[in-house]
Amino acid sequence: SVQAGGSLRLSCAASGAVYSRYCMAWFRQAPGGQREGVAAITGSAITY
């Protein structure tokens, strides 16, 4: 929980398969809503 204007850093630990060659992304699901894409990154660090 944070006040408006604040900051947070989220982390994701991956295991079980090749991670470096996968696309990775963050999604958000608002209360009562559906999952929406937030950001994505390629294995070579290109971001969207």
PDB file of all heavy atoms in Angstrom:
ATOM      1  N   SER A   1       0.840  -1.197   0.000  1.00  0.00           N
ATOM      2  CA  SER A   1       0.000   0.000   0.000  1.00  0.00           C
ATOM      3  C   SER A   1       0.871   1.241   0.000  1.00  0.00           C
ATOM      4  O   SER A   1       1.861   1.317   0.734  1.00  0.00           O
ATOM      5  CB  SER A   1      -0.921   0.004   1.216  1.00  0.00           C
ATOM      6  OG  SER A   1      -1.805  -1.097   1.202  1.00  0.00           O
ATOM      7  N   VAL A   2       0.485   2.215  -0.813  1.00  0.00           N
ATOM      8  CA  VAL A   2       1.256   3.445  -0.923  1.00  0.00           C
ATOM      9  C   VAL A   2       0.311   4.602  -1.214  1.00  0.00           C
ATOM     10  O   VAL A   2      -0.750   4.417  -1.817  1.00  0.00           O
ATOM     11  CB  VAL A   2       2.327   3.315  -2.031  1.00  0.00           C
ATOM     12  CG1 VAL A   2       1.676   3.153  -3.397  1.00  0.00           C
ATOM     13  CG2 VAL A   2       3.280   4.495  -2.016  1.00  0.00           C
ATOM     14  N   GLN A   3       0.693   5.791  -0.790  1.00  0.00           N
ATOM     15  CA  GLN A   3      -0.090   6.980  -1.078  1.00  0.00           C
ATOM     16  C   GLN A   3       0.154   7.435  -2.513  1.00  0.00           C
ATOM     17  O   GLN A   3       1.224   7.203  -3.081  1.00  0.00           O
ATOM     18  CB  GLN A   3       0.277   8.099  -0.104  1.00  0.00           C
ATOM     19  CG  GLN A   3      -0.637   9.309  -0.160  1.00  0.00           C
ATOM     20  CD  GLN A   3      -0.281  10.346   0.891  1.00  0.00           C
ATOM     21  OE1 GLN A   3       0.876  10.511   1.252  1.00  0.00           O
ATOM     22  NE2 GLN A   3      -1.285  11.044   1.383  1.00  0.00           N
ATOM     23  N   ALA A   4      -0.836   8.072  -3.107  1.00  0.00           N
ATOM     24  CA  ALA A   4      -0.677   8.601  -4.453  1.00  0.00           C
ATOM     25  C   ALA A   4       0.578   9.465  -4.542  1.00  0.00           C
ATOM     26  O   ALA A   4       0.852  10.276  -3.661  1.00  0.00           O
ATOM     27  CB  ALA A   4      -1.904   9.412  -4.852  1.00  0.00           C
ATOM     28  N   GLY A   5       1.319   9.281  -5.619  1.00  0.00           N
ATOM     29  CA  GLY A   5       2.574   9.983  -5.801  1.00  0.00           C
ATOM     30  C   GLY A   5       3.785   9.201  -5.326  1.00  0.00           C
ATOM     31  O   GLY A   5       4.921   9.590  -5.618  1.00  0.00           O
ATOM     32  N   GLY A   6       3.562   8.112  -4.626  1.00  0.00           N
ATOM     33  CA  GLY A   6       4.643   7.293  -4.129  1.00  0.00           C
ATOM     34  C   GLY A   6       5.173   6.329  -5.165  1.00  0.00           C
ATOM     35  O   GLY A   6       4.754   6.327  -6.325  1.00  0.00           O
ATOM     36  N   SER A   7       6.093   5.482  -4.727  1.00  0.00           N
ATOM     37  CA  SER A   7       6.759   4.550  -5.627  1.00  0.00           C
ATOM     38  C   SER A   7       6.789   3.149  -5.047  1.00  0.00           C
ATOM     39  O   SER A   7       6.766   2.961  -3.828  1.00  0.00           O
ATOM     40  CB  SER A   7       8.207   5.001  -5.890  1.00  0.00           C
ATOM     41  OG  SER A   7       8.264   6.293  -6.442  1.00  0.00           O
ATOM     42  N   LEU A   8       6.842   2.171  -5.928  1.00  0.00           N
ATOM     43  CA  LEU A   8       7.007   0.777  -5.555  1.00  0.00           C
ATOM     44  C   LEU A   8       7.846   0.086  -6.615  1.00  0.00           C
ATOM     45  O   LEU A   8       7.819   0.478  -7.780  1.00  0.00           O
ATOM     46  CB  LEU A   8       5.667   0.056  -5.436  1.00  0.00           C
ATOM     47  CG  LEU A   8       4.798   0.310  -4.210  1.00  0.00           C
ATOM     48  CD1 LEU A   8       3.449  -0.383  -4.400  1.00  0.00           C
ATOM     49  CD2 LEU A   8       5.475  -0.194  -2.947  1.00  0.00           C
ATOM     50  N   ARG A   9       8.553  -0.939  -6.204  1.00  0.00           N
ATOM     51  CA  ARG A   9       9.276  -1.788  -7.140  1.00  0.00           C
ATOM     52  C   ARG A   9       8.799  -3.226  -6.959  1.00  0.00           C
ATOM     53  O   ARG A   9       8.918  -3.795  -5.873  1.00  0.00           O
ATOM     54  CB  ARG A   9      10.785  -1.706  -6.934  1.00  0.00           C
ATOM     55  CG  ARG A   9      11.572  -2.694  -7.805  1.00  0.00           C
ATOM     56  CD  ARG A   9      13.070  -2.502  -7.655  1.00  0.00           C
ATOM     57  NE  ARG A   9      13.513  -1.318  -8.379  1.00  0.00           N
ATOM     58  CZ  ARG A   9      14.736  -0.809  -8.287  1.00  0.00           C
ATOM     59  NH1 ARG A   9      15.623  -1.364  -7.480  1.00  0.00           N
ATOM     60  NH2 ARG A   9      15.063   0.265  -8.993  1.00  0.00           N
ATOM     61  N   LEU A  10       8.278  -3.802  -8.018  1.00  0.00           N
ATOM     62  CA  LEU A  10       7.833  -5.174  -8.011  1.00  0.00           C
ATOM     63  C   LEU A  10       8.926  -6.074  -8.567  1.00  0.00           C
ATOM     64  O   LEU A  10       9.675  -5.672  -9.459  1.00  0.00           O
ATOM     65  CB  LEU A  10       6.564  -5.350  -8.842  1.00  0.00           C
ATOM     66  CG  LEU A  10       5.385  -4.434  -8.507  1.00  0.00           C
ATOM     67  CD1 LEU A  10       4.195  -4.789  -9.390  1.00  0.00           C
ATOM     68  CD2 LEU A  10       5.024  -4.527  -7.040  1.00  0.00           C
ATOM     69  N   SER A  11       8.991  -7.286  -8.050  1.00  0.00           N
ATOM     70  CA  SER A  11       9.959  -8.258  -8.528  1.00  0.00           C
ATOM     71  C   SER A  11       9.267  -9.563  -8.857  1.00  0.00           C
ATOM     72  O   SER A  11       8.229  -9.895  -8.283  1.00  0.00           O
ATOM     73  CB  SER A  11      11.052  -8.508  -7.481  1.00  0.00           C
ATOM     74  OG  SER A  11      11.817  -7.347  -7.249  1.00  0.00           O
ATOM     75  N   CYS A  12       9.857 -10.302  -9.773  1.00  0.00           N
ATOM     76  CA  CYS A  12       9.346 -11.603 -10.178  1.00  0.00           C
ATOM     77  C   CYS A  12      10.518 -12.557 -10.276  1.00  0.00           C
ATOM     78  O   CYS A  12      11.467 -12.301 -11.022  1.00  0.00           O
ATOM     79  CB  CYS A  12       8.617 -11.490 -11.520  1.00  0.00           C
ATOM     80  SG  CYS A  12       8.147 -13.071 -12.265  1.00  0.00           S
ATOM     81  N   ALA A  13      10.460 -13.635  -9.526  1.00  0.00           N
ATOM     82  CA  ALA A  13      11.485 -14.668  -9.577  1.00  0.00           C
ATOM     83  C   ALA A  13      11.011 -15.800 -10.474  1.00  0.00           C
ATOM     84  O   ALA A  13       9.912 -16.323 -10.287  1.00  0.00           O
ATOM     85  CB  ALA A  13      11.784 -15.185  -8.177  1.00  0.00           C
ATOM     86  N   ALA A  14      11.833 -16.166 -11.444  1.00  0.00           N
ATOM     87  CA  ALA A  14      11.486 -17.204 -12.406  1.00  0.00           C
ATOM     88  C   ALA A  14      12.351 -18.439 -12.205  1.00  0.00           C
ATOM     89  O   ALA A  14      13.537 -18.341 -11.903  1.00  0.00           O
ATOM     90  CB  ALA A  14      11.650 -16.684 -13.830  1.00  0.00           C
ATOM     91  N   SER A  15      11.748 -19.594 -12.394  1.00  0.00           N
ATOM     92  CA  SER A  15      12.479 -20.850 -12.293  1.00  0.00           C
ATOM     93  C   SER A  15      11.780 -21.911 -13.135  1.00  0.00           C
ATOM     94  O   SER A  15      10.660 -21.725 -13.592  1.00  0.00           O
ATOM     95  CB  SER A  15      12.582 -21.313 -10.838  1.00  0.00           C
ATOM     96  OG  SER A  15      11.300 -21.565 -10.289  1.00  0.00           O
ATOM     97  N   GLY A  16      12.462 -23.033 -13.346  1.00  0.00           N
ATOM     98  CA  GLY A  16      11.851 -24.180 -13.992  1.00  0.00           C
ATOM     99  C   GLY A  16      12.049 -24.291 -15.497  1.00  0.00           C
ATOM    100  O   GLY A  16      11.769 -25.333 -16.068  1.00  0.00           O
ATOM    101  N   ALA A  17      12.510 -23.217 -16.150  1.00  0.00           N
ATOM    102  CA  ALA A  17      12.713 -23.236 -17.588  1.00  0.00           C
ATOM    103  C   ALA A  17      13.686 -22.137 -17.973  1.00  0.00           C
ATOM    104  O   ALA A  17      14.101 -21.343 -17.136  1.00  0.00           O
ATOM    105  CB  ALA A  17      11.390 -23.083 -18.328  1.00  0.00           C
ATOM    106  N   VAL A  18      14.039 -22.079 -19.250  1.00  0.00           N
ATOM    107  CA  VAL A  18      14.935 -21.049 -19.755  1.00  0.00           C
ATOM    108  C   VAL A  18      14.265 -19.686 -19.637  1.00  0.00           C
ATOM    109  O   VAL A  18      13.228 -19.442 -20.261  1.00  0.00           O
ATOM    110  CB  VAL A  18      15.343 -21.319 -21.212  1.00  0.00           C
ATOM    111  CG1 VAL A  18      16.265 -20.216 -21.720  1.00  0.00           C
ATOM    112  CG2 VAL A  18      16.035 -22.666 -21.325  1.00  0.00           C
ATOM    113  N   TYR A  19      14.860 -18.821 -18.853  1.00  0.00           N
ATOM    114  CA  TYR A  19      14.292 -17.509 -18.595  1.00  0.00           C
ATOM    115  C   TYR A  19      14.813 -16.454 -19.550  1.00  0.00           C
ATOM    116  O   TYR A  19      14.043 -15.619 -20.037  1.00  0.00           O
ATOM    117  CB  TYR A  19      14.590 -17.111 -17.144  1.00  0.00           C
ATOM    118  CG  TYR A  19      14.254 -15.687 -16.792  1.00  0.00           C
ATOM    119  CD1 TYR A  19      12.951 -15.311 -16.505  1.00  0.00           C
ATOM    120  CD2 TYR A  19      15.260 -14.720 -16.713  1.00  0.00           C
ATOM    121  CE1 TYR A  19      12.648 -14.006 -16.154  1.00  0.00           C
ATOM    122  CE2 TYR A  19      14.956 -13.416 -16.364  1.00  0.00           C
ATOM    123  CZ  TYR A  19      13.649 -13.065 -16.086  1.00  0.00           C
ATOM    124  OH  TYR A  19      13.357 -11.767 -15.737  1.00  0.00           O
ATOM    125  N   SER A  20      16.103 -16.457 -19.844  1.00  0.00           N
ATOM    126  CA  SER A  20      16.733 -15.384 -20.601  1.00  0.00           C
ATOM    127  C   SER A  20      16.227 -15.274 -22.035  1.00  0.00           C
ATOM    128  O   SER A  20      16.322 -14.196 -22.629  1.00  0.00           O
ATOM    129  CB  SER A  20      18.251 -15.548 -20.595  1.00  0.00           C
ATOM    130  OG  SER A  20      18.639 -16.753 -21.218  1.00  0.00           O
ATOM    131  N   ARG A  21      15.692 -16.338 -22.596  1.00  0.00           N
ATOM    132  CA  ARG A  21      15.215 -16.319 -23.976  1.00  0.00           C
ATOM    133  C   ARG A  21      13.704 -16.098 -24.090  1.00  0.00           C
ATOM    134  O   ARG A  21      13.166 -16.133 -25.200  1.00  0.00           O
ATOM    135  CB  ARG A  21      15.606 -17.611 -24.674  1.00  0.00           C
ATOM    136  CG  ARG A  21      17.114 -17.811 -24.764  1.00  0.00           C
ATOM    137  CD  ARG A  21      17.477 -19.129 -25.413  1.00  0.00           C
ATOM    138  NE  ARG A  21      18.923 -19.323 -25.465  1.00  0.00           N
ATOM    139  CZ  ARG A  21      19.520 -20.400 -25.945  1.00  0.00           C
ATOM    140  NH1 ARG A  21      18.791 -21.401 -26.433  1.00  0.00           N
ATOM    141  NH2 ARG A  21      20.841 -20.489 -25.946  1.00  0.00           N
ATOM    142  N   TYR A  22      13.046 -15.881 -22.986  1.00  0.00           N
ATOM    143  CA  TYR A  22      11.602 -15.666 -22.976  1.00  0.00           C
ATOM    144  C   TYR A  22      11.264 -14.188 -23.004  1.00  0.00           C
ATOM    145  O   TYR A  22      11.975 -13.369 -22.428  1.00  0.00           O
ATOM    146  CB  TYR A  22      10.986 -16.256 -21.712  1.00  0.00           C
ATOM    147  CG  TYR A  22      10.700 -17.731 -21.752  1.00  0.00           C
ATOM    148  CD1 TYR A  22      11.596 -18.633 -22.283  1.00  0.00           C
ATOM    149  CD2 TYR A  22       9.510 -18.221 -21.212  1.00  0.00           C
ATOM    150  CE1 TYR A  22      11.331 -19.988 -22.298  1.00  0.00           C
ATOM    151  CE2 TYR A  22       9.231 -19.571 -21.217  1.00  0.00           C
ATOM    152  CZ  TYR A  22      10.145 -20.450 -21.764  1.00  0.00           C
ATOM    153  OH  TYR A  22       9.865 -21.798 -21.763  1.00  0.00           O
ATOM    154  N   CYS A  23      10.150 -13.850 -23.651  1.00  0.00           N
ATOM    155  CA  CYS A  23       9.532 -12.558 -23.419  1.00  0.00           C
ATOM    156  C   CYS A  23       8.972 -12.561 -21.998  1.00  0.00           C
ATOM    157  O   CYS A  23       8.443 -13.564 -21.533  1.00  0.00           O
ATOM    158  CB  CYS A  23       8.368 -12.309 -24.373  1.00  0.00           C
ATOM    159  SG  CYS A  23       8.720 -12.469 -26.126  1.00  0.00           S
ATOM    160  N   MET A  24       9.063 -11.422 -21.326  1.00  0.00           N
ATOM    161  CA  MET A  24       8.501 -11.280 -19.997  1.00  0.00           C
ATOM    162  C   MET A  24       7.644 -10.027 -19.959  1.00  0.00           C
ATOM    163  O   MET A  24       7.904  -9.071 -20.691  1.00  0.00           O
ATOM    164  CB  MET A  24       9.599 -11.186 -18.934  1.00  0.00           C
ATOM    165  CG  MET A  24      10.554 -12.367 -18.896  1.00  0.00           C
ATOM    166  SD  MET A  24       9.759 -13.910 -18.349  1.00  0.00           S
ATOM    167  CE  MET A  24       9.357 -13.506 -16.642  1.00  0.00           C
ATOM    168  N   ALA A  25       6.644 -10.032 -19.101  1.00  0.00           N
ATOM    169  CA  ALA A  25       5.741  -8.888 -19.052  1.00  0.00           C
ATOM    170  C   ALA A  25       5.080  -8.775 -17.689  1.00  0.00           C
ATOM    171  O   ALA A  25       5.050  -9.729 -16.907  1.00  0.00           O
ATOM    172  CB  ALA A  25       4.668  -9.000 -20.135  1.00  0.00           C
ATOM    173  N   TRP A  26       4.560  -7.581 -17.433  1.00  0.00           N
ATOM    174  CA  TRP A  26       3.728  -7.322 -16.270  1.00  0.00           C
ATOM    175  C   TRP A  26       2.319  -6.969 -16.736  1.00  0.00           C
ATOM    176  O   TRP A  26       2.144  -6.190 -17.682  1.00  0.00           O
ATOM    177  CB  TRP A  26       4.274  -6.164 -15.430  1.00  0.00           C
ATOM    178  CG  TRP A  26       5.522  -6.494 -14.682  1.00  0.00           C
ATOM    179  CD1 TRP A  26       6.799  -6.213 -15.045  1.00  0.00           C
ATOM    180  CD2 TRP A  26       5.601  -7.158 -13.416  1.00  0.00           C
ATOM    181  NE1 TRP A  26       7.680  -6.662 -14.094  1.00  0.00           N
ATOM    182  CE2 TRP A  26       6.973  -7.244 -13.082  1.00  0.00           C
ATOM    183  CE3 TRP A  26       4.654  -7.684 -12.538  1.00  0.00           C
ATOM    184  CZ2 TRP A  26       7.420  -7.838 -11.903  1.00  0.00           C
ATOM    185  CZ3 TRP A  26       5.097  -8.280 -11.368  1.00  0.00           C
ATOM    186  CH2 TRP A  26       6.459  -8.350 -11.057  1.00  0.00           C
ATOM    187  N   PHE A  27       1.339  -7.526 -16.048  1.00  0.00           N
ATOM    188  CA  PHE A  27      -0.061  -7.234 -16.292  1.00  0.00           C
ATOM    189  C   PHE A  27      -0.690  -6.731 -15.005  1.00  0.00           C
ATOM    190  O   PHE A  27      -0.217  -7.027 -13.904  1.00  0.00           O
ATOM    191  CB  PHE A  27      -0.814  -8.484 -16.758  1.00  0.00           C
ATOM    192  CG  PHE A  27      -0.491  -8.933 -18.153  1.00  0.00           C
ATOM    193  CD1 PHE A  27       0.717  -9.539 -18.442  1.00  0.00           C
ATOM    194  CD2 PHE A  27      -1.406  -8.752 -19.184  1.00  0.00           C
ATOM    195  CE1 PHE A  27       1.022  -9.960 -19.724  1.00  0.00           C
ATOM    196  CE2 PHE A  27      -1.119  -9.175 -20.472  1.00  0.00           C
ATOM    197  CZ  PHE A  27       0.093  -9.775 -20.741  1.00  0.00           C
ATOM    198  N   ARG A  28      -1.776  -5.992 -15.139  1.00  0.00           N
ATOM    199  CA  ARG A  28      -2.531  -5.517 -13.984  1.00  0.00           C
ATOM    200  C   ARG A  28      -3.985  -5.929 -14.128  1.00  0.00           C
ATOM    201  O   ARG A  28      -4.554  -5.824 -15.210  1.00  0.00           O
ATOM    202  CB  ARG A  28      -2.454  -3.992 -13.861  1.00  0.00           C
ATOM    203  CG  ARG A  28      -3.212  -3.428 -12.647  1.00  0.00           C
ATOM    204  CD  ARG A  28      -3.177  -1.909 -12.644  1.00  0.00           C
ATOM    205  NE  ARG A  28      -4.007  -1.365 -13.699  1.00  0.00           N
ATOM    206  CZ  ARG A  28      -5.273  -1.007 -13.539  1.00  0.00           C
ATOM    207  NH1 ARG A  28      -5.868  -1.127 -12.351  1.00  0.00           N
ATOM    208  NH2 ARG A  28      -5.954  -0.523 -14.560  1.00  0.00           N
ATOM    209  N   GLN A  29      -4.573  -6.365 -13.036  1.00  0.00           N
ATOM    210  CA  GLN A  29      -5.992  -6.652 -12.995  1.00  0.00           C
ATOM    211  C   GLN A  29      -6.624  -5.790 -11.919  1.00  0.00           C
ATOM    212  O   GLN A  29      -6.385  -5.992 -10.727  1.00  0.00           O
ATOM    213  CB  GLN A  29      -6.257  -8.132 -12.719  1.00  0.00           C
ATOM    214  CG  GLN A  29      -7.730  -8.500 -12.783  1.00  0.00           C
ATOM    215  CD  GLN A  29      -7.959  -9.997 -12.755  1.00  0.00           C
ATOM    216  OE1 GLN A  29      -7.071 -10.771 -12.404  1.00  0.00           O
ATOM    217  NE2 GLN A  29      -9.152 -10.415 -13.140  1.00  0.00           N
ATOM    218  N   ALA A  30      -7.418  -4.817 -12.343  1.00  0.00           N
ATOM    219  CA  ALA A  30      -8.117  -3.947 -11.408  1.00  0.00           C
ATOM    220  C   ALA A  30      -9.251  -4.719 -10.754  1.00  0.00           C
ATOM    221  O   ALA A  30      -9.735  -5.716 -11.298  1.00  0.00           O
ATOM    222  CB  ALA A  30      -8.656  -2.721 -12.137  1.00  0.00           C
ATOM    223  N   PRO A  31      -9.687  -4.264  -9.582  1.00  0.00           N
ATOM    224  CA  PRO A  31     -10.816  -4.933  -8.923  1.00  0.00           C
ATOM    225  C   PRO A  31     -12.020  -5.032  -9.854  1.00  0.00           C
ATOM    226  O   PRO A  31     -12.485  -4.024 -10.384  1.00  0.00           O
ATOM    227  CB  PRO A  31     -11.105  -4.038  -7.723  1.00  0.00           C
ATOM    228  CG  PRO A  31      -9.789  -3.390  -7.423  1.00  0.00           C
ATOM    229  CD  PRO A  31      -9.161  -3.157  -8.773  1.00  0.00           C
ATOM    230  N   GLY A  32     -12.506  -6.231 -10.064  1.00  0.00           N
ATOM    231  CA  GLY A  32     -13.649  -6.444 -10.939  1.00  0.00           C
ATOM    232  C   GLY A  32     -13.342  -6.348 -12.415  1.00  0.00           C
ATOM    233  O   GLY A  32     -14.260  -6.448 -13.239  1.00  0.00           O
ATOM    234  N   GLY A  33     -12.088  -6.158 -12.785  1.00  0.00           N
ATOM    235  CA  GLY A  33     -11.710  -6.005 -14.172  1.00  0.00           C
ATOM    236  C   GLY A  33     -10.979  -7.209 -14.731  1.00  0.00           C
ATOM    237  O   GLY A  33     -10.907  -8.265 -14.112  1.00  0.00           O
ATOM    238  N   GLN A  34     -10.432  -7.037 -15.925  1.00  0.00           N
ATOM    239  CA  GLN A  34      -9.668  -8.087 -16.571  1.00  0.00           C
ATOM    240  C   GLN A  34      -8.190  -7.709 -16.614  1.00  0.00           C
ATOM    241  O   GLN A  34      -7.830  -6.548 -16.408  1.00  0.00           O
ATOM    242  CB  GLN A  34     -10.186  -8.346 -17.987  1.00  0.00           C
ATOM    243  CG  GLN A  34     -10.117  -7.143 -18.914  1.00  0.00           C
ATOM    244  CD  GLN A  34     -10.741  -7.417 -20.272  1.00  0.00           C
ATOM    245  OE1 GLN A  34     -11.386  -8.440 -20.482  1.00  0.00           O
ATOM    246  NE2 GLN A  34     -10.554  -6.512 -21.209  1.00  0.00           N
ATOM    247  N   ARG A  35      -7.371  -8.676 -16.890  1.00  0.00           N
ATOM    248  CA  ARG A  35      -5.943  -8.418 -16.966  1.00  0.00           C
ATOM    249  C   ARG A  35      -5.605  -7.557 -18.179  1.00  0.00           C
ATOM    250  O   ARG A  35      -6.065  -7.820 -19.287  1.00  0.00           O
ATOM    251  CB  ARG A  35      -5.171  -9.728 -17.035  1.00  0.00           C
ATOM    252  CG  ARG A  35      -5.238 -10.554 -15.778  1.00  0.00           C
ATOM    253  CD  ARG A  35      -4.401 -11.806 -15.902  1.00  0.00           C
ATOM    254  NE  ARG A  35      -4.580 -12.678 -14.753  1.00  0.00           N
ATOM    255  CZ  ARG A  35      -3.975 -13.837 -14.597  1.00  0.00           C
ATOM    256  NH1 ARG A  35      -3.144 -14.281 -15.517  1.00  0.00           N
ATOM    257  NH2 ARG A  35      -4.197 -14.562 -13.514  1.00  0.00           N
ATOM    258  N   GLU A  36      -4.786  -6.538 -17.947  1.00  0.00           N
ATOM    259  CA  GLU A  36      -4.339  -5.652 -19.003  1.00  0.00           C
ATOM    260  C   GLU A  36      -2.820  -5.574 -18.995  1.00  0.00           C
ATOM    261  O   GLU A  36      -2.205  -5.508 -17.937  1.00  0.00           O
ATOM    262  CB  GLU A  36      -4.919  -4.251 -18.823  1.00  0.00           C
ATOM    263  CG  GLU A  36      -6.434  -4.204 -18.866  1.00  0.00           C
ATOM    264  CD  GLU A  36      -6.976  -2.804 -18.689  1.00  0.00           C
ATOM    265  OE1 GLU A  36      -6.203  -1.914 -18.259  1.00  0.00           O
ATOM    266  OE2 GLU A  36      -8.161  -2.591 -18.985  1.00  0.00           O
ATOM    267  N   GLY A  37      -2.236  -5.577 -20.173  1.00  0.00           N
ATOM    268  CA  GLY A  37      -0.793  -5.478 -20.277  1.00  0.00           C
ATOM    269  C   GLY A  37      -0.282  -4.131 -19.797  1.00  0.00           C
ATOM    270  O   GLY A  37      -0.858  -3.093 -20.114  1.00  0.00           O
ATOM    271  N   VAL A  38       0.805  -4.147 -19.053  1.00  0.00           N
ATOM    272  CA  VAL A  38       1.435  -2.939 -18.537  1.00  0.00           C
ATOM    273  C   VAL A  38       2.753  -2.667 -19.253  1.00  0.00           C
ATOM    274  O   VAL A  38       2.989  -1.559 -19.751  1.00  0.00           O
ATOM    275  CB  VAL A  38       1.665  -3.041 -17.023  1.00  0.00           C
ATOM    276  CG1 VAL A  38       2.463  -1.844 -16.514  1.00  0.00           C
ATOM    277  CG2 VAL A  38       0.335  -3.157 -16.285  1.00  0.00           C
ATOM    278  N   ALA A  39       3.624  -3.654 -19.282  1.00  0.00           N
ATOM    279  CA  ALA A  39       4.933  -3.501 -19.897  1.00  0.00           C
ATOM    280  C   ALA A  39       5.472  -4.867 -20.274  1.00  0.00           C
ATOM    281  O   ALA A  39       5.152  -5.866 -19.628  1.00  0.00           O
ATOM    282  CB  ALA A  39       5.898  -2.791 -18.946  1.00  0.00           C
ATOM    283  N   ALA A  40       6.304  -4.908 -21.309  1.00  0.00           N
ATOM    284  CA  ALA A  40       6.911  -6.149 -21.755  1.00  0.00           C
ATOM    285  C   ALA A  40       8.377  -5.914 -22.079  1.00  0.00           C
ATOM    286  O   ALA A  40       8.781  -4.790 -22.392  1.00  0.00           O
ATOM    287  CB  ALA A  40       6.177  -6.703 -22.982  1.00  0.00           C
ATOM    288  N   ILE A  41       9.156  -6.983 -22.041  1.00  0.00           N
ATOM    289  CA  ILE A  41      10.579  -6.881 -22.335  1.00  0.00           C
ATOM    290  C   ILE A  41      11.046  -8.152 -23.020  1.00  0.00           C
ATOM    291  O   ILE A  41      10.655  -9.261 -22.650  1.00  0.00           O
ATOM    292  CB  ILE A  41      11.382  -6.599 -21.038  1.00  0.00           C
ATOM    293  CG1 ILE A  41      12.854  -6.326 -21.354  1.00  0.00           C
ATOM    294  CG2 ILE A  41      11.222  -7.744 -20.038  1.00  0.00           C
ATOM    295  CD1 ILE A  41      13.617  -5.763 -20.165  1.00  0.00           C
ATOM    296  N   THR A  42      11.896  -8.003 -24.034  1.00  0.00           N
ATOM    297  CA  THR A  42      12.428  -9.138 -24.760  1.00  0.00           C
ATOM    298  C   THR A  42      13.676  -9.669 -24.074  1.00  0.00           C
ATOM    299  O   THR A  42      14.197  -9.084 -23.134  1.00  0.00           O
ATOM    300  CB  THR A  42      12.779  -8.761 -26.201  1.00  0.00           C
ATOM    301  OG1 THR A  42      13.956  -7.926 -26.201  1.00  0.00           O
ATOM    302  CG2 THR A  42      11.640  -8.009 -26.876  1.00  0.00           C
ATOM    303  N   GLY A  43      14.176 -10.794 -24.575  1.00  0.00           N
ATOM    304  CA  GLY A  43      15.399 -11.360 -24.043  1.00  0.00           C
ATOM    305  C   GLY A  43      16.609 -10.464 -24.225  1.00  0.00           C
ATOM    306  O   GLY A  43      17.578 -10.582 -23.469  1.00  0.00           O
ATOM    307  N   SER A  44      16.560  -9.566 -25.207  1.00  0.00           N
ATOM    308  CA  SER A  44      17.643  -8.625 -25.438  1.00  0.00           C
ATOM    309  C   SER A  44      17.349  -7.245 -24.858  1.00  0.00           C
ATOM    310  O   SER A  44      17.996  -6.271 -25.220  1.00  0.00           O
ATOM    311  CB  SER A  44      17.938  -8.517 -26.932  1.00  0.00           C
ATOM    312  OG  SER A  44      16.788  -8.131 -27.658  1.00  0.00           O
ATOM    313  N   ALA A  45      16.345  -7.164 -23.985  1.00  0.00           N
ATOM    314  CA  ALA A  45      16.035  -5.967 -23.203  1.00  0.00           C
ATOM    315  C   ALA A  45      15.346  -4.854 -23.993  1.00  0.00           C
ATOM    316  O   ALA A  45      15.382  -3.697 -23.576  1.00  0.00           O
ATOM    317  CB  ALA A  45      17.278  -5.428 -22.503  1.00  0.00           C
ATOM    318  N   ILE A  46      14.716  -5.176 -25.108  1.00  0.00           N
ATOM    319  CA  ILE A  46      13.857  -4.220 -25.784  1.00  0.00           C
ATOM    320  C   ILE A  46      12.541  -4.158 -25.021  1.00  0.00           C
ATOM    321  O   ILE A  46      11.973  -5.195 -24.675  1.00  0.00           O
ATOM    322  CB  ILE A  46      13.617  -4.627 -27.240  1.00  0.00           C
ATOM    323  CG1 ILE A  46      14.940  -4.649 -28.005  1.00  0.00           C
ATOM    324  CG2 ILE A  46      12.629  -3.685 -27.916  1.00  0.00           C
ATOM    325  CD1 ILE A  46      14.831  -5.230 -29.391  1.00  0.00           C
ATOM    326  N   THR A  47      12.048  -2.963 -24.770  1.00  0.00           N
ATOM    327  CA  THR A  47      10.876  -2.793 -23.919  1.00  0.00           C
ATOM    328  C   THR A  47       9.686  -2.232 -24.670  1.00  0.00           C
ATOM    329  O   THR A  47       9.823  -1.515 -25.664  1.00  0.00           O
ATOM    330  CB  THR A  47      11.193  -1.880 -22.728  1.00  0.00           C
ATOM    331  OG1 THR A  47      11.631  -0.604 -23.206  1.00  0.00           O
ATOM    332  CG2 THR A  47      12.287  -2.491 -21.867  1.00  0.00           C
ATOM    333  N   TYR A  48       8.496  -2.539 -24.156  1.00  0.00           N
ATOM    334  CA  TYR A  48       7.236  -2.052 -24.690  1.00  0.00           C
ATOM    335  C   TYR A  48       6.355  -1.661 -23.514  1.00  0.00           C
ATOM    336  O   TYR A  48       6.338  -2.341 -22.490  1.00  0.00           O
ATOM    337  CB  TYR A  48       6.527  -3.127 -25.513  1.00  0.00           C
ATOM    338  CG  TYR A  48       7.363  -3.701 -26.631  1.00  0.00           C
ATOM    339  CD1 TYR A  48       8.178  -4.806 -26.418  1.00  0.00           C
ATOM    340  CD2 TYR A  48       7.333  -3.139 -27.907  1.00  0.00           C
ATOM    341  CE1 TYR A  48       8.953  -5.331 -27.441  1.00  0.00           C
ATOM    342  CE2 TYR A  48       8.106  -3.665 -28.929  1.00  0.00           C
ATOM    343  CZ  TYR A  48       8.909  -4.763 -28.694  1.00  0.00           C
ATOM    344  OH  TYR A  48       9.669  -5.282 -29.716  1.00  0.00           O
TER     345      TYR A  48
END
